Amino acid sequence: MTSIINLQSKSENKIKLALKNITVTFSSSNGHQVLAVNDVSLDVYEQEFIALIGTSGCGKSTLLNVMAGLITADSGQVLIDGVETVGINPKIGYMSQLDSLLPWATVMDNVALGLELRGISKKERRAMARELIVRMGLTGFEYSYPHELSGGMKKRVTIARVLAIDPEILFMDEPFGPLDAFTKEILQDDILKIWHETKKTIVYVTHDLSEAISLADRVVLISSRPGKVKAEYNIPLPRPRNVMDIKFDANYVDIEKTIWLQLKEEVIKGKEGIGHVSKIS
């Protein structure tokens, strides 16, 4: 059963995205059907910043990919603005943990890629891309190639490319995982500023509890495989936030301890293999 801890009513906001009884199985190498996520239902509110957290292999990225239309669930529904959606929806922008920049394209052309695919004229898409390049602190690198950029700069280019198509919902799958801690915190602050300015609905997948608490309005804990919603936590830390400073808030420590006690149970289960592999055939 889902545990809901310290959740405030969001009745003033409409439900932007809803999962209804999502179940996903995968075929293993030995032919068994492995239950990845089981009967997951979740509401995400308009303009909400929500973080999905859980141990490695718990199914949080699978859930995100179902929401994004990249994976088809065995059963259940994904609804955006109350309408069932199948496949990739133009209201969605997606940023993965992988480096997806085109190595042969400049920063300008990488940022403008989505606009080009939507048939926007070259003059218009370059103007829009230039504005985002300035916004992301990449002025002077418009005509640089990805191999000439640092890891953090590449991530900024990727963020700009997603923002260029102006999605209503932004999905982010451990986007800053490979980066050093300092660069990661700077980029997390960038995301918070973008969210504060645009109020886009953001669903953020991470295994980093500190990151989840620092960024999100609500943290959803996914259990060990098969993934289920184990608990939800409202994060009542003041906004606007600064990632480097918020950890010194006394409430932050209490929130982290509360979530960690339940996350620890899933870590132990995963380590012991309890519930880690669920064969259904």
Protein backbone atom coordinates (compact mmCIF):
# COMPACT_ATOMS: atom_id res chain seq x y z
CA MET A 1 0.00 0.00 0.00
CA THR A 2 1.22 3.49 -0.80
CA SER A 3 2.33 5.49 2.20
CA ILE A 4 1.54 9.20 1.89
CA ILE A 5 3.54 11.30 4.29
CA ASN A 6 3.00 15.02 4.89
CA LEU A 7 1.34 15.61 1.54
CA GLN A 8 -0.42 18.94 1.15
CA SER A 9 -3.58 19.21 -0.92
CA LYS A 10 -2.97 20.22 -4.52
CA SER A 11 -6.65 20.64 -5.34
CA GLU A 12 -5.90 24.17 -6.55
CA ASN A 13 -3.86 22.70 -9.43
CA LYS A 14 -5.24 20.44 -12.12
CA ILE A 15 -3.75 17.04 -12.84
CA LYS A 16 -1.42 17.46 -15.80
CA LEU A 17 -0.22 13.87 -16.12
CA ALA A 18 -1.72 10.68 -14.73
CA LEU A 19 -0.62 7.06 -14.67
CA LYS A 20 -3.43 4.56 -14.22
CA ASN A 21 -2.54 0.98 -13.18
CA ILE A 22 0.67 0.76 -15.24
CA THR A 23 2.26 -2.69 -15.46
CA VAL A 24 5.36 -3.47 -17.53
CA THR A 25 7.17 -6.76 -18.10
CA PHE A 26 10.39 -7.49 -19.97
CA SER A 27 11.76 -10.69 -21.46
CA SER A 28 15.00 -11.79 -19.80
CA SER A 29 17.89 -13.44 -21.66
CA ASN A 30 16.77 -16.88 -20.45
CA GLY A 31 13.25 -16.39 -21.76
CA HIS A 32 11.50 -15.56 -18.50
CA GLN A 33 9.06 -12.67 -18.29
CA VAL A 34 10.32 -10.27 -15.60
CA LEU A 35 7.85 -7.96 -13.90
CA ALA A 36 9.49 -4.50 -13.92
CA VAL A 37 6.69 -2.31 -12.54
CA ASN A 38 3.37 -3.48 -11.19
CA ASP A 39 0.03 -1.66 -11.12
CA VAL A 40 1.45 1.85 -10.64
CA SER A 41 -0.91 4.81 -10.43
CA LEU A 42 0.36 8.35 -9.96
CA ASP A 43 -0.93 11.89 -10.48
CA VAL A 44 1.39 14.75 -11.43
CA TYR A 45 -0.02 18.24 -11.05
CA GLU A 46 0.37 21.16 -13.42
CA GLN A 47 3.55 23.17 -12.72
CA GLU A 48 4.71 20.59 -10.19
CA PHE A 49 8.34 19.50 -9.88
CA ILE A 50 8.22 15.84 -8.92
CA ALA A 51 11.17 13.49 -8.35
CA LEU A 52 11.06 9.70 -8.65
CA ILE A 53 13.65 8.00 -6.48
CA GLY A 54 14.56 4.40 -5.78
CA THR A 55 17.33 1.83 -5.94
CA SER A 56 18.99 0.83 -9.20
CA GLY A 57 16.73 -1.40 -11.28
CA CYS A 58 13.53 -0.52 -9.40
CA GLY A 59 11.73 0.63 -12.54
CA LYS A 60 11.77 4.41 -12.15
CA SER A 61 13.31 4.97 -15.61
CA THR A 62 10.88 2.42 -17.04
CA LEU A 63 8.00 4.46 -15.65
CA LEU A 64 9.46 7.65 -17.11
CA ASN A 65 9.81 6.01 -20.52
CA VAL A 66 6.20 4.83 -20.36
CA MET A 67 5.13 8.41 -19.60
CA ALA A 68 7.24 9.67 -22.49
CA GLY A 69 5.76 7.15 -24.91
CA LEU A 70 9.08 5.38 -25.48
CA ILE A 71 7.86 2.12 -23.89
CA THR A 72 4.39 0.62 -24.23
CA ALA A 73 2.97 -0.72 -20.97
CA ASP A 74 1.42 -4.19 -20.84
CA SER A 75 -1.61 -2.64 -19.19
CA GLY A 76 -2.78 0.69 -17.86
CA GLN A 77 -3.12 4.20 -19.22
CA VAL A 78 -1.12 7.42 -19.49
CA LEU A 79 -3.24 10.56 -19.57
CA ILE A 80 -2.13 14.11 -20.34
CA ASP A 81 -4.68 16.81 -19.55
CA GLY A 82 -7.21 14.05 -19.02
CA VAL A 83 -6.77 12.52 -22.48
CA GLU A 84 -5.17 9.12 -22.98
CA THR A 85 -1.92 9.38 -24.91
CA VAL A 86 -0.18 6.67 -26.90
CA GLY A 87 3.32 7.10 -28.27
CA ILE A 88 5.37 10.31 -28.20
CA ASN A 89 3.34 13.41 -27.41
CA PRO A 90 4.39 16.89 -28.67
CA LYS A 91 3.65 18.33 -25.22
CA ILE A 92 6.64 16.41 -23.85
CA GLY A 93 10.36 17.19 -23.78
CA TYR A 94 12.82 14.48 -22.73
CA MET A 95 16.38 14.67 -21.42
CA SER A 96 18.19 11.39 -20.79
CA GLN A 97 21.42 10.61 -18.97
CA LEU A 98 23.12 9.83 -22.29
CA ASP A 99 25.00 12.33 -24.43
CA SER A 100 22.58 12.78 -27.32
CA LEU A 101 24.23 15.74 -29.06
CA LEU A 102 25.05 15.35 -32.74
CA PRO A 103 28.88 15.32 -32.87
CA TRP A 104 29.00 16.80 -36.39
CA ALA A 105 26.68 19.72 -35.53
CA THR A 106 27.54 23.02 -33.87
CA VAL A 107 26.00 24.20 -30.62
CA MET A 108 23.67 26.41 -32.66
CA ASP A 109 22.49 23.53 -34.85
CA ASN A 110 22.16 21.14 -31.92
CA VAL A 111 19.96 23.58 -30.02
CA ALA A 112 17.84 24.22 -33.12
CA LEU A 113 17.47 20.54 -34.06
CA GLY A 114 13.97 20.05 -32.67
CA LEU A 115 12.79 23.25 -34.32
CA GLU A 116 14.20 22.09 -37.64
CA LEU A 117 12.34 18.79 -37.32
CA ARG A 118 9.14 20.77 -36.73
CA GLY A 119 9.64 22.70 -39.95
CA ILE A 120 10.58 26.07 -38.43
CA SER A 121 12.44 28.29 -40.90
CA LYS A 122 16.21 28.54 -40.57
CA LYS A 123 16.11 32.25 -39.70
CA GLU A 124 13.47 31.80 -37.00
CA ARG A 125 15.00 28.69 -35.41
CA ARG A 126 18.45 30.30 -35.28
CA ALA A 127 17.00 33.36 -33.56
CA MET A 128 15.27 31.16 -31.00
CA ALA A 129 18.39 29.03 -30.52
CA ARG A 130 20.57 32.12 -30.04
CA GLU A 131 18.26 33.39 -27.30
CA LEU A 132 18.50 30.07 -25.46
CA ILE A 133 22.28 29.93 -25.90
CA VAL A 134 22.54 33.28 -24.15
CA ARG A 135 20.13 32.13 -21.44
CA MET A 136 22.21 29.02 -20.75
CA GLY A 137 25.49 30.95 -20.49
CA LEU A 138 26.95 29.59 -23.73
CA THR A 139 27.59 32.88 -25.52
CA GLY A 140 30.73 32.61 -27.61
CA PHE A 141 30.30 28.87 -28.20
CA GLU A 142 27.55 29.08 -30.83
CA TYR A 143 29.71 27.51 -33.51
CA SER A 144 31.70 25.13 -31.32
CA TYR A 145 31.29 21.36 -31.68
CA PRO A 146 30.45 18.98 -28.82
CA HIS A 147 34.00 17.63 -28.55
CA GLU A 148 35.17 21.19 -27.81
CA LEU A 149 32.86 21.54 -24.81
CA SER A 150 33.12 20.47 -21.17
CA GLY A 151 30.68 17.94 -19.73
CA GLY A 152 28.67 20.68 -18.04
CA MET A 153 28.48 22.75 -21.22
CA LYS A 154 27.21 19.76 -23.18
CA LYS A 155 24.42 19.36 -20.64
CA ARG A 156 23.52 23.04 -21.03
CA VAL A 157 23.28 22.57 -24.79
CA THR A 158 20.99 19.58 -24.25
CA ILE A 159 18.78 21.56 -21.86
CA ALA A 160 18.58 24.40 -24.39
CA ARG A 161 17.60 21.97 -27.15
CA VAL A 162 14.75 20.57 -25.04
CA LEU A 163 13.56 24.05 -24.05
CA ALA A 164 13.62 25.18 -27.69
CA ILE A 165 10.55 23.10 -28.50
CA ASP A 166 8.76 24.66 -25.50
CA PRO A 167 7.33 21.46 -23.97
CA GLU A 168 4.58 21.62 -21.38
CA ILE A 169 6.06 18.64 -19.52
CA LEU A 170 9.79 18.04 -19.11
CA PHE A 171 11.09 14.54 -18.34
CA MET A 172 14.63 14.23 -17.00
CA ASP A 173 16.26 10.84 -16.45
CA GLU A 174 19.31 11.22 -14.16
CA PRO A 175 20.58 13.95 -16.49
CA PHE A 176 23.61 14.98 -14.42
CA GLY A 177 24.75 11.58 -13.11
CA PRO A 178 28.24 11.41 -14.72
CA LEU A 179 29.27 14.94 -13.71
CA ASP A 180 31.41 16.03 -10.76
CA ALA A 181 29.55 17.24 -7.68
CA PHE A 182 30.27 20.95 -8.15
CA THR A 183 29.21 21.03 -11.83
CA LYS A 184 26.13 18.99 -10.95
CA GLU A 185 25.02 21.50 -8.31
CA ILE A 186 25.47 24.41 -10.71
CA LEU A 187 23.30 22.67 -13.30
CA GLN A 188 20.71 21.76 -10.67
CA ASP A 189 20.47 25.46 -9.84
CA ASP A 190 20.02 26.18 -13.55
CA ILE A 191 17.11 23.74 -13.65
CA LEU A 192 15.52 25.37 -10.60
CA LYS A 193 15.81 28.81 -12.22
CA ILE A 194 14.27 27.51 -15.45
CA TRP A 195 11.42 25.89 -13.52
CA HIS A 196 10.85 29.07 -11.51
CA GLU A 197 10.72 31.17 -14.69
CA THR A 198 8.64 28.83 -16.86
CA LYS A 199 6.65 26.79 -14.30
CA LYS A 200 6.79 23.77 -16.57
CA THR A 201 5.71 20.46 -15.13
CA ILE A 202 8.89 18.45 -14.45
CA VAL A 203 9.26 14.74 -13.72
CA TYR A 204 12.82 14.04 -12.60
CA VAL A 205 14.30 10.57 -12.09
CA THR A 206 17.26 10.21 -9.74
CA HIS A 207 18.88 7.73 -7.36
CA ASP A 208 20.35 10.66 -5.40
CA LEU A 209 18.18 11.47 -2.37
CA SER A 210 19.89 14.82 -1.78
CA GLU A 211 19.20 15.85 -5.38
CA ALA A 212 15.55 14.83 -5.14
CA ILE A 213 14.94 16.82 -1.95
CA SER A 214 16.82 19.88 -3.19
CA LEU A 215 14.85 20.13 -6.43
CA ALA A 216 11.36 18.73 -5.98
CA ASP A 217 7.99 19.78 -4.61
CA ARG A 218 7.24 16.11 -4.05
CA VAL A 219 9.41 12.99 -3.87
CA VAL A 220 7.92 9.63 -4.86
CA LEU A 221 9.74 6.55 -3.58
CA ILE A 222 9.60 3.54 -5.91
CA SER A 223 10.02 0.14 -4.25
CA SER A 224 12.47 -2.55 -5.29
CA ARG A 225 11.45 -4.55 -8.33
CA PRO A 226 8.69 -4.98 -9.19
CA GLY A 227 8.42 -1.22 -8.84
CA LYS A 228 5.45 0.19 -6.98
CA VAL A 229 4.81 3.55 -5.37
CA LYS A 230 5.92 2.87 -1.81
CA ALA A 231 5.63 6.40 -0.40
CA GLU A 232 5.14 10.04 -1.35
CA TYR A 233 6.66 12.99 0.50
CA ASN A 234 5.79 16.64 0.27
CA ILE A 235 8.96 18.79 0.40
CA PRO A 236 8.00 21.97 2.32
CA LEU A 237 11.30 23.78 1.77
CA PRO A 238 10.99 27.44 0.75
CA ARG A 239 11.31 28.58 -2.86
CA PRO A 240 13.21 29.95 -4.64
CA ARG A 241 15.94 27.53 -3.58
CA ASN A 242 19.69 27.48 -3.93
CA VAL A 243 20.99 23.91 -4.13
CA MET A 244 24.25 24.76 -2.39
CA ASP A 245 22.50 26.42 0.55
CA ILE A 246 19.26 24.46 1.02
CA LYS A 247 21.09 21.54 2.67
CA PHE A 248 21.77 23.77 5.69
CA ASP A 249 18.05 24.26 6.33
CA ALA A 250 17.11 22.43 9.55
CA ASN A 251 14.00 21.00 7.90
CA TYR A 252 16.14 19.51 5.13
CA VAL A 253 17.87 17.19 7.59
CA ASP A 254 14.56 15.98 9.03
CA ILE A 255 13.13 15.34 5.56
CA GLU A 256 16.23 13.46 4.44
CA LYS A 257 16.16 11.25 7.53
CA THR A 258 12.45 10.48 7.12
CA ILE A 259 12.82 9.42 3.48
CA TRP A 260 16.09 7.59 4.03
CA LEU A 261 14.54 5.29 6.65
CA GLN A 262 12.17 3.90 4.01
CA LEU A 263 14.65 4.08 1.15
CA LYS A 264 17.09 2.08 3.29
CA GLU A 265 14.59 -0.78 3.45
CA GLU A 266 14.54 -0.95 -0.35
CA VAL A 267 18.33 -0.77 -0.52
CA ILE A 268 18.56 -3.78 1.83
CA LYS A 269 15.96 -5.68 -0.20
CA GLY A 270 17.88 -4.99 -3.39
CA LYS A 271 21.15 -6.08 -1.79
CA GLU A 272 19.64 -9.31 -0.52
CA GLY A 273 17.82 -9.95 -3.78
CA ILE A 274 14.41 -9.80 -2.10
CA GLY A 275 11.91 -8.75 -4.73
CA HIS A 276 14.73 -7.89 -7.13
CA VAL A 277 13.66 -10.35 -9.80
CA SER A 278 10.01 -11.30 -10.12
CA LYS A 279 9.40 -14.00 -12.70
CA ILE A 280 5.85 -14.32 -13.96
CA SER A 281 6.49 -17.17 -16.38
